[in-house]
Amino acid sequence: MTVPLADRLSLSPEEASALTGIGQTSIRAAVASGALTARKLGTRTIILREDLYAWLKTLPLTGKKTVMAEHV
């Protein structure tokens, strides 16, 4: 039985890339630097969905609201 990508608890770097639209190179670099937590299952690299979400929330904000929030 194949679980749809949107319903998986864990993702490969390739799947994390497809789900977020962020390049595989950036995902793998974040894992290598320790910024994005990943686990190993044999030879497979596994990224928990919650770790991916937490990493995304650490990325810098952009836009007008960000500048205004810094001045408040």
C-alpha atoms as a PDB file:
ATOM      1  CA  MET A   1       0.000   0.000   0.000  1.00  0.00           C
ATOM      2  CA  THR A   2       1.404   3.360  -1.000  1.00  0.00           C
ATOM      3  CA  VAL A   3       0.646   6.300   1.281  1.00  0.00           C
ATOM      4  CA  PRO A   4       0.145   9.617  -0.559  1.00  0.00           C
ATOM      5  CA  LEU A   5       3.038  12.061  -0.116  1.00  0.00           C
ATOM      6  CA  ALA A   6       0.790  14.531   1.709  1.00  0.00           C
ATOM      7  CA  ASP A   7      -0.068  11.892   4.341  1.00  0.00           C
ATOM      8  CA  ARG A   8       3.417  10.515   5.081  1.00  0.00           C
ATOM      9  CA  LEU A   9       4.975  10.971   8.508  1.00  0.00           C
ATOM     10  CA  SER A  10       8.502  10.785   7.099  1.00  0.00           C
ATOM     11  CA  LEU A  11      10.014  11.880   3.814  1.00  0.00           C
ATOM     12  CA  SER A  12      13.153  11.297   1.808  1.00  0.00           C
ATOM     13  CA  PRO A  13      15.129  14.415   0.842  1.00  0.00           C
ATOM     14  CA  GLU A  14      13.653  14.078  -2.661  1.00  0.00           C
ATOM     15  CA  GLU A  15      10.113  13.925  -1.280  1.00  0.00           C
ATOM     16  CA  ALA A  16      10.785  16.865   1.059  1.00  0.00           C
ATOM     17  CA  SER A  17      11.968  18.802  -1.981  1.00  0.00           C
ATOM     18  CA  ALA A  18       8.843  17.906  -3.962  1.00  0.00           C
ATOM     19  CA  LEU A  19       6.547  18.764  -1.056  1.00  0.00           C
ATOM     20  CA  THR A  20       8.118  22.164  -0.330  1.00  0.00           C
ATOM     21  CA  GLY A  21       9.326  23.256  -3.755  1.00  0.00           C
ATOM     22  CA  ILE A  22      12.807  23.740  -2.280  1.00  0.00           C
ATOM     23  CA  GLY A  23      15.631  22.189  -4.286  1.00  0.00           C
ATOM     24  CA  GLN A  24      17.120  18.856  -3.270  1.00  0.00           C
ATOM     25  CA  THR A  25      20.550  20.453  -2.984  1.00  0.00           C
ATOM     26  CA  SER A  26      19.213  22.949  -0.425  1.00  0.00           C
ATOM     27  CA  ILE A  27      17.438  20.207   1.533  1.00  0.00           C
ATOM     28  CA  ARG A  28      20.573  18.046   1.601  1.00  0.00           C
ATOM     29  CA  ALA A  29      22.749  21.041   2.568  1.00  0.00           C
ATOM     30  CA  ALA A  30      20.414  21.834   5.477  1.00  0.00           C
ATOM     31  CA  VAL A  31      20.660  18.206   6.628  1.00  0.00           C
ATOM     32  CA  ALA A  32      24.462  18.207   6.270  1.00  0.00           C
ATOM     33  CA  SER A  33      24.790  21.426   8.295  1.00  0.00           C
ATOM     34  CA  GLY A  34      22.486  20.140  11.026  1.00  0.00           C
ATOM     35  CA  ALA A  35      19.922  22.875  10.419  1.00  0.00           C
ATOM     36  CA  LEU A  36      17.372  20.265   9.294  1.00  0.00           C
ATOM     37  CA  THR A  37      17.186  17.167  11.480  1.00  0.00           C
ATOM     38  CA  ALA A  38      17.285  13.879   9.601  1.00  0.00           C
ATOM     39  CA  ARG A  39      17.560  10.258  10.634  1.00  0.00           C
ATOM     40  CA  LYS A  40      19.062   7.176   9.018  1.00  0.00           C
ATOM     41  CA  LEU A  41      17.234   3.925   8.373  1.00  0.00           C
ATOM     42  CA  GLY A  42      19.884   1.659   6.933  1.00  0.00           C
ATOM     43  CA  THR A  43      21.175   3.653   3.981  1.00  0.00           C
ATOM     44  CA  ARG A  44      18.048   5.798   3.698  1.00  0.00           C
ATOM     45  CA  THR A  45      17.865   9.380   4.946  1.00  0.00           C
ATOM     46  CA  ILE A  46      14.533  10.075   6.633  1.00  0.00           C
ATOM     47  CA  ILE A  47      13.152  13.523   7.456  1.00  0.00           C
ATOM     48  CA  LEU A  48      10.190  13.655   9.805  1.00  0.00           C
ATOM     49  CA  ARG A  49       7.438  15.961   8.580  1.00  0.00           C
ATOM     50  CA  GLU A  50       7.505  17.823  11.916  1.00  0.00           C
ATOM     51  CA  ASP A  51      11.272  18.432  11.567  1.00  0.00           C
ATOM     52  CA  LEU A  52      10.774  19.744   8.032  1.00  0.00           C
ATOM     53  CA  TYR A  53       8.059  22.111   9.237  1.00  0.00           C
ATOM     54  CA  ALA A  54      10.195  23.300  12.166  1.00  0.00           C
ATOM     55  CA  TRP A  55      13.123  23.985   9.814  1.00  0.00           C
ATOM     56  CA  LEU A  56      10.895  25.919   7.410  1.00  0.00           C
ATOM     57  CA  LYS A  57       9.755  28.119  10.304  1.00  0.00           C
ATOM     58  CA  THR A  58      13.395  29.054  11.030  1.00  0.00           C
ATOM     59  CA  LEU A  59      13.925  30.480   7.550  1.00  0.00           C
ATOM     60  CA  PRO A  60      14.030  34.290   7.413  1.00  0.00           C
ATOM     61  CA  LEU A  61      10.849  36.223   6.754  1.00  0.00           C
ATOM     62  CA  THR A  62      10.700  38.590   3.800  1.00  0.00           C
ATOM     63  CA  GLY A  63       8.521  41.462   2.689  1.00  0.00           C
ATOM     64  CA  LYS A  64       7.006  44.625   4.034  1.00  0.00           C
ATOM     65  CA  LYS A  65       5.444  43.007   7.134  1.00  0.00           C
ATOM     66  CA  THR A  66       8.876  41.827   8.281  1.00  0.00           C
ATOM     67  CA  VAL A  67      10.314  45.335   8.214  1.00  0.00           C
ATOM     68  CA  MET A  68       7.303  46.726  10.060  1.00  0.00           C
ATOM     69  CA  ALA A  69       7.456  43.976  12.698  1.00  0.00           C
ATOM     70  CA  GLU A  70      11.089  44.814  13.441  1.00  0.00           C
ATOM     71  CA  HIS A  71      10.126  48.425  14.247  1.00  0.00           C
ATOM     72  CA  VAL A  72       7.296  47.524  16.613  1.00  0.00           C
END
